[in-house]
Amino acid sequence: MDQSENNSNDKKKQIILRISPKLWNELAAWAEDDFRSINGQIEYLLTECVRQRRGKRLEKNDPEDSGE
């Protein structure tokens, strides 16, 4: 892999996101409360959701919790 391919994998990906005006306003208010940009707030929320999902998956696979 050459240097340009490596650098492109390290950059944040850009996406187009369509959301309702009501949701936009809620996110904007929440972002302001947390001193974040709206983009930063969305990224934060998505990151937290992924962490929670990973944690639940790990809990499901834990043999101590399943009574085995």
PDB file of N, CA and C in Angstrom:
ATOM      1  N   MET A   1       0.849  -1.171   0.000  1.00  0.00           N
ATOM      2  CA  MET A   1       0.000   0.000   0.000  1.00  0.00           C
ATOM      3  C   MET A   1       0.895   1.236   0.000  1.00  0.00           C
ATOM      4  N   ASP A   2       0.593   2.177  -0.884  1.00  0.00           N
ATOM      5  CA  ASP A   2       1.418   3.380  -0.918  1.00  0.00           C
ATOM      6  C   ASP A   2       0.916   4.406   0.097  1.00  0.00           C
ATOM      7  N   GLN A   3       1.680   5.470   0.272  1.00  0.00           N
ATOM      8  CA  GLN A   3       1.401   6.485   1.293  1.00  0.00           C
ATOM      9  C   GLN A   3       0.033   7.146   1.108  1.00  0.00           C
ATOM     10  N   SER A   4      -0.373   7.421  -0.149  1.00  0.00           N
ATOM     11  CA  SER A   4      -1.648   8.103  -0.375  1.00  0.00           C
ATOM     12  C   SER A   4      -2.827   7.234   0.031  1.00  0.00           C
ATOM     13  N   GLU A   5      -2.750   5.923  -0.171  1.00  0.00           N
ATOM     14  CA  GLU A   5      -3.829   5.036   0.251  1.00  0.00           C
ATOM     15  C   GLU A   5      -3.925   4.990   1.767  1.00  0.00           C
ATOM     16  N   ASN A   6      -2.800   4.968   2.449  1.00  0.00           N
ATOM     17  CA  ASN A   6      -2.779   4.930   3.899  1.00  0.00           C
ATOM     18  C   ASN A   6      -3.405   6.194   4.478  1.00  0.00           C
ATOM     19  N   ASN A   7      -3.065   7.360   3.928  1.00  0.00           N
ATOM     20  CA  ASN A   7      -3.607   8.615   4.429  1.00  0.00           C
ATOM     21  C   ASN A   7      -5.106   8.709   4.220  1.00  0.00           C
ATOM     22  N   SER A   8      -5.624   8.187   3.107  1.00  0.00           N
ATOM     23  CA  SER A   8      -7.055   8.281   2.854  1.00  0.00           C
ATOM     24  C   SER A   8      -7.857   7.440   3.844  1.00  0.00           C
ATOM     25  N   ASN A   9      -7.286   6.373   4.367  1.00  0.00           N
ATOM     26  CA  ASN A   9      -7.978   5.546   5.353  1.00  0.00           C
ATOM     27  C   ASN A   9      -7.999   6.197   6.729  1.00  0.00           C
ATOM     28  N   ASP A  10      -7.074   7.116   6.996  1.00  0.00           N
ATOM     29  CA  ASP A  10      -7.000   7.778   8.289  1.00  0.00           C
ATOM     30  C   ASP A  10      -7.948   8.966   8.390  1.00  0.00           C
ATOM     31  N   LYS A  11      -8.412   9.481   7.269  1.00  0.00           N
ATOM     32  CA  LYS A  11      -9.278  10.657   7.274  1.00  0.00           C
ATOM     33  C   LYS A  11     -10.698  10.261   7.657  1.00  0.00           C
ATOM     34  N   LYS A  12     -11.411  11.198   8.262  1.00  0.00           N
ATOM     35  CA  LYS A  12     -12.816  10.959   8.574  1.00  0.00           C
ATOM     36  C   LYS A  12     -13.613  10.906   7.283  1.00  0.00           C
ATOM     37  N   LYS A  13     -14.589  10.047   7.252  1.00  0.00           N
ATOM     38  CA  LYS A  13     -15.448   9.903   6.090  1.00  0.00           C
ATOM     39  C   LYS A  13     -16.531  10.969   6.125  1.00  0.00           C
ATOM     40  N   GLN A  14     -16.900  11.437   4.960  1.00  0.00           N
ATOM     41  CA  GLN A  14     -17.967  12.427   4.851  1.00  0.00           C
ATOM     42  C   GLN A  14     -19.224  11.736   4.353  1.00  0.00           C
ATOM     43  N   ILE A  15     -20.356  12.088   4.948  1.00  0.00           N
ATOM     44  CA  ILE A  15     -21.634  11.529   4.524  1.00  0.00           C
ATOM     45  C   ILE A  15     -22.661  12.642   4.405  1.00  0.00           C
ATOM     46  N   ILE A  16     -23.670  12.376   3.628  1.00  0.00           N
ATOM     47  CA  ILE A  16     -24.817  13.286   3.552  1.00  0.00           C
ATOM     48  C   ILE A  16     -25.890  12.682   4.440  1.00  0.00           C
ATOM     49  N   LEU A  17     -26.441  13.482   5.309  1.00  0.00           N
ATOM     50  CA  LEU A  17     -27.438  13.002   6.257  1.00  0.00           C
ATOM     51  C   LEU A  17     -28.687  13.861   6.139  1.00  0.00           C
ATOM     52  N   ARG A  18     -29.797  13.243   5.899  1.00  0.00           N
ATOM     53  CA  ARG A  18     -31.068  13.961   5.825  1.00  0.00           C
ATOM     54  C   ARG A  18     -31.849  13.679   7.097  1.00  0.00           C
ATOM     55  N   ILE A  19     -32.175  14.741   7.824  1.00  0.00           N
ATOM     56  CA  ILE A  19     -32.973  14.599   9.043  1.00  0.00           C
ATOM     57  C   ILE A  19     -34.061  15.655   9.042  1.00  0.00           C
ATOM     58  N   SER A  20     -35.078  15.411   9.818  1.00  0.00           N
ATOM     59  CA  SER A  20     -36.207  16.347   9.880  1.00  0.00           C
ATOM     60  C   SER A  20     -35.786  17.635  10.573  1.00  0.00           C
ATOM     61  N   PRO A  21     -36.473  18.724  10.279  1.00  0.00           N
ATOM     62  CA  PRO A  21     -36.177  19.987  10.970  1.00  0.00           C
ATOM     63  C   PRO A  21     -36.346  19.873  12.490  1.00  0.00           C
ATOM     64  N   LYS A  22     -37.321  19.097  12.922  1.00  0.00           N
ATOM     65  CA  LYS A  22     -37.550  18.926  14.363  1.00  0.00           C
ATOM     66  C   LYS A  22     -36.349  18.247  15.023  1.00  0.00           C
ATOM     67  N   LEU A  23     -35.854  17.168  14.396  1.00  0.00           N
ATOM     68  CA  LEU A  23     -34.684  16.484  14.939  1.00  0.00           C
ATOM     69  C   LEU A  23     -33.460  17.382  14.897  1.00  0.00           C
ATOM     70  N   TRP A  24     -33.301  18.139  13.809  1.00  0.00           N
ATOM     71  CA  TRP A  24     -32.185  19.084  13.694  1.00  0.00           C
ATOM     72  C   TRP A  24     -32.198  20.060  14.868  1.00  0.00           C
ATOM     73  N   ASN A  25     -33.366  20.613  15.164  1.00  0.00           N
ATOM     74  CA  ASN A  25     -33.483  21.579  16.258  1.00  0.00           C
ATOM     75  C   ASN A  25     -33.152  20.948  17.604  1.00  0.00           C
ATOM     76  N   GLU A  26     -33.590  19.712  17.808  1.00  0.00           N
ATOM     77  CA  GLU A  26     -33.272  19.009  19.056  1.00  0.00           C
ATOM     78  C   GLU A  26     -31.769  18.768  19.177  1.00  0.00           C
ATOM     79  N   LEU A  27     -31.156  18.322  18.078  1.00  0.00           N
ATOM     80  CA  LEU A  27     -29.709  18.091  18.095  1.00  0.00           C
ATOM     81  C   LEU A  27     -28.934  19.383  18.292  1.00  0.00           C
ATOM     82  N   ALA A  28     -29.402  20.454  17.671  1.00  0.00           N
ATOM     83  CA  ALA A  28     -28.730  21.749  17.808  1.00  0.00           C
ATOM     84  C   ALA A  28     -28.773  22.234  19.254  1.00  0.00           C
ATOM     85  N   ALA A  29     -29.921  22.081  19.896  1.00  0.00           N
ATOM     86  CA  ALA A  29     -30.048  22.499  21.295  1.00  0.00           C
ATOM     87  C   ALA A  29     -29.164  21.633  22.194  1.00  0.00           C
ATOM     88  N   TRP A  30     -29.165  20.346  21.954  1.00  0.00           N
ATOM     89  CA  TRP A  30     -28.353  19.429  22.747  1.00  0.00           C
ATOM     90  C   TRP A  30     -26.873  19.731  22.545  1.00  0.00           C
ATOM     91  N   ALA A  31     -26.477  19.956  21.305  1.00  0.00           N
ATOM     92  CA  ALA A  31     -25.077  20.283  21.016  1.00  0.00           C
ATOM     93  C   ALA A  31     -24.667  21.565  21.739  1.00  0.00           C
ATOM     94  N   GLU A  32     -25.535  22.540  21.723  1.00  0.00           N
ATOM     95  CA  GLU A  32     -25.225  23.801  22.401  1.00  0.00           C
ATOM     96  C   GLU A  32     -25.059  23.583  23.900  1.00  0.00           C
ATOM     97  N   ASP A  33     -25.915  22.767  24.487  1.00  0.00           N
ATOM     98  CA  ASP A  33     -25.804  22.448  25.921  1.00  0.00           C
ATOM     99  C   ASP A  33     -24.475  21.778  26.249  1.00  0.00           C
ATOM    100  N   ASP A  34     -23.986  20.956  25.316  1.00  0.00           N
ATOM    101  CA  ASP A  34     -22.741  20.214  25.533  1.00  0.00           C
ATOM    102  C   ASP A  34     -21.518  20.926  24.953  1.00  0.00           C
ATOM    103  N   PHE A  35     -21.712  22.156  24.468  1.00  0.00           N
ATOM    104  CA  PHE A  35     -20.619  22.954  23.883  1.00  0.00           C
ATOM    105  C   PHE A  35     -19.944  22.225  22.718  1.00  0.00           C
ATOM    106  N   ARG A  36     -20.771  21.638  21.848  1.00  0.00           N
ATOM    107  CA  ARG A  36     -20.273  20.945  20.662  1.00  0.00           C
ATOM    108  C   ARG A  36     -20.934  21.534  19.425  1.00  0.00           C
ATOM    109  N   SER A  37     -20.312  21.304  18.275  1.00  0.00           N
ATOM    110  CA  SER A  37     -20.977  21.601  17.010  1.00  0.00           C
ATOM    111  C   SER A  37     -22.039  20.519  16.788  1.00  0.00           C
ATOM    112  N   ILE A  38     -22.951  20.768  15.880  1.00  0.00           N
ATOM    113  CA  ILE A  38     -23.956  19.748  15.583  1.00  0.00           C
ATOM    114  C   ILE A  38     -23.268  18.504  15.025  1.00  0.00           C
ATOM    115  N   ASN A  39     -22.301  18.701  14.145  1.00  0.00           N
ATOM    116  CA  ASN A  39     -21.565  17.566  13.601  1.00  0.00           C
ATOM    117  C   ASN A  39     -20.869  16.791  14.724  1.00  0.00           C
ATOM    118  N   GLY A  40     -20.244  17.499  15.642  1.00  0.00           N
ATOM    119  CA  GLY A  40     -19.580  16.852  16.774  1.00  0.00           C
ATOM    120  C   GLY A  40     -20.556  16.100  17.652  1.00  0.00           C
ATOM    121  N   GLN A  41     -21.750  16.663  17.822  1.00  0.00           N
ATOM    122  CA  GLN A  41     -22.767  16.012  18.642  1.00  0.00           C
ATOM    123  C   GLN A  41     -23.234  14.719  17.986  1.00  0.00           C
ATOM    124  N   ILE A  42     -23.471  14.759  16.689  1.00  0.00           N
ATOM    125  CA  ILE A  42     -23.903  13.561  15.970  1.00  0.00           C
ATOM    126  C   ILE A  42     -22.822  12.487  16.044  1.00  0.00           C
ATOM    127  N   GLU A  43     -21.573  12.870  15.843  1.00  0.00           N
ATOM    128  CA  GLU A  43     -20.474  11.909  15.918  1.00  0.00           C
ATOM    129  C   GLU A  43     -20.369  11.316  17.326  1.00  0.00           C
ATOM    130  N   TYR A  44     -20.518  12.150  18.340  1.00  0.00           N
ATOM    131  CA  TYR A  44     -20.477  11.683  19.722  1.00  0.00           C
ATOM    132  C   TYR A  44     -21.595  10.665  19.989  1.00  0.00           C
ATOM    133  N   LEU A  45     -22.808  10.997  19.563  1.00  0.00           N
ATOM    134  CA  LEU A  45     -23.946  10.111  19.802  1.00  0.00           C
ATOM    135  C   LEU A  45     -23.789   8.779  19.076  1.00  0.00           C
ATOM    136  N   LEU A  46     -23.322   8.823  17.844  1.00  0.00           N
ATOM    137  CA  LEU A  46     -23.101   7.579  17.099  1.00  0.00           C
ATOM    138  C   LEU A  46     -22.015   6.727  17.760  1.00  0.00           C
ATOM    139  N   THR A  47     -20.952   7.372  18.223  1.00  0.00           N
ATOM    140  CA  THR A  47     -19.876   6.651  18.903  1.00  0.00           C
ATOM    141  C   THR A  47     -20.390   5.976  20.167  1.00  0.00           C
ATOM    142  N   GLU A  48     -21.204   6.683  20.945  1.00  0.00           N
ATOM    143  CA  GLU A  48     -21.758   6.109  22.172  1.00  0.00           C
ATOM    144  C   GLU A  48     -22.687   4.936  21.857  1.00  0.00           C
ATOM    145  N   CYS A  49     -23.485   5.045  20.816  1.00  0.00           N
ATOM    146  CA  CYS A  49     -24.377   3.945  20.430  1.00  0.00           C
ATOM    147  C   CYS A  49     -23.582   2.710  20.043  1.00  0.00           C
ATOM    148  N   VAL A  50     -22.505   2.889  19.310  1.00  0.00           N
ATOM    149  CA  VAL A  50     -21.661   1.754  18.920  1.00  0.00           C
ATOM    150  C   VAL A  50     -21.032   1.127  20.157  1.00  0.00           C
ATOM    151  N   ARG A  51     -20.561   1.931  21.091  1.00  0.00           N
ATOM    152  CA  ARG A  51     -19.974   1.393  22.331  1.00  0.00           C
ATOM    153  C   ARG A  51     -21.001   0.587  23.118  1.00  0.00           C
ATOM    154  N   GLN A  52     -22.220   1.107  23.222  1.00  0.00           N
ATOM    155  CA  GLN A  52     -23.271   0.387  23.954  1.00  0.00           C
ATOM    156  C   GLN A  52     -23.608  -0.930  23.268  1.00  0.00           C
ATOM    157  N   ARG A  53     -23.682  -0.908  21.953  1.00  0.00           N
ATOM    158  CA  ARG A  53     -23.990  -2.129  21.207  1.00  0.00           C
ATOM    159  C   ARG A  53     -22.901  -3.173  21.407  1.00  0.00           C
ATOM    160  N   ARG A  54     -21.651  -2.741  21.359  1.00  0.00           N
ATOM    161  CA  ARG A  54     -20.541  -3.672  21.595  1.00  0.00           C
ATOM    162  C   ARG A  54     -20.628  -4.260  22.986  1.00  0.00           C
ATOM    163  N   GLY A  55     -20.942  -3.432  23.965  1.00  0.00           N
ATOM    164  CA  GLY A  55     -21.044  -3.898  25.339  1.00  0.00           C
ATOM    165  C   GLY A  55     -22.150  -4.921  25.509  1.00  0.00           C
ATOM    166  N   LYS A  56     -23.281  -4.702  24.866  1.00  0.00           N
ATOM    167  CA  LYS A  56     -24.391  -5.659  24.966  1.00  0.00           C
ATOM    168  C   LYS A  56     -24.024  -6.980  24.311  1.00  0.00           C
ATOM    169  N   ARG A  57     -23.314  -6.899  23.186  1.00  0.00           N
ATOM    170  CA  ARG A  57     -22.894  -8.120  22.508  1.00  0.00           C
ATOM    171  C   ARG A  57     -21.925  -8.902  23.382  1.00  0.00           C
ATOM    172  N   LEU A  58     -21.024  -8.204  24.051  1.00  0.00           N
ATOM    173  CA  LEU A  58     -20.070  -8.869  24.933  1.00  0.00           C
ATOM    174  C   LEU A  58     -20.783  -9.515  26.112  1.00  0.00           C
ATOM    175  N   GLU A  59     -21.811  -8.831  26.650  1.00  0.00           N
ATOM    176  CA  GLU A  59     -22.564  -9.382  27.773  1.00  0.00           C
ATOM    177  C   GLU A  59     -23.311 -10.647  27.361  1.00  0.00           C
ATOM    178  N   LYS A  60     -23.878 -10.665  26.151  1.00  0.00           N
ATOM    179  CA  LYS A  60     -24.608 -11.842  25.666  1.00  0.00           C
ATOM    180  C   LYS A  60     -23.693 -13.045  25.529  1.00  0.00           C
ATOM    181  N   ASN A  61     -22.433 -12.811  25.191  1.00  0.00           N
ATOM    182  CA  ASN A  61     -21.487 -13.901  24.985  1.00  0.00           C
ATOM    183  C   ASN A  61     -20.750 -14.291  26.256  1.00  0.00           C
ATOM    184  N   ASP A  62     -21.066 -13.653  27.384  1.00  0.00           N
ATOM    185  CA  ASP A  62     -20.383 -13.936  28.645  1.00  0.00           C
ATOM    186  C   ASP A  62     -21.003 -15.178  29.283  1.00  0.00           C
ATOM    187  N   PRO A  63     -20.250 -16.281  29.411  1.00  0.00           N
ATOM    188  CA  PRO A  63     -20.809 -17.514  29.956  1.00  0.00           C
ATOM    189  C   PRO A  63     -21.264 -17.392  31.407  1.00  0.00           C
ATOM    190  N   GLU A  64     -20.699 -16.466  32.173  1.00  0.00           N
ATOM    191  CA  GLU A  64     -21.107 -16.298  33.570  1.00  0.00           C
ATOM    192  C   GLU A  64     -22.533 -15.784  33.664  1.00  0.00           C
ATOM    193  N   ASP A  65     -22.939 -14.935  32.713  1.00  0.00           N
ATOM    194  CA  ASP A  65     -24.300 -14.398  32.740  1.00  0.00           C
ATOM    195  C   ASP A  65     -25.339 -15.378  32.251  1.00  0.00           C
ATOM    196  N   SER A  66     -24.931 -16.392  31.477  1.00  0.00           N
ATOM    197  CA  SER A  66     -25.896 -17.328  30.910  1.00  0.00           C
ATOM    198  C   SER A  66     -26.143 -18.522  31.830  1.00  0.00           C
ATOM    199  N   GLY A  67     -25.463 -18.593  32.980  1.00  0.00           N
ATOM    200  CA  GLY A  67     -25.692 -19.657  33.945  1.00  0.00           C
ATOM    201  C   GLY A  67     -24.980 -20.946  33.622  1.00  0.00           C
ATOM    202  N   GLU A  68     -24.030 -20.918  32.715  1.00  0.00           N
ATOM    203  CA  GLU A  68     -23.296 -22.132  32.350  1.00  0.00           C
ATOM    204  C   GLU A  68     -22.146 -22.374  33.285  1.00  0.00           C
TER     205      GLU A  68
END
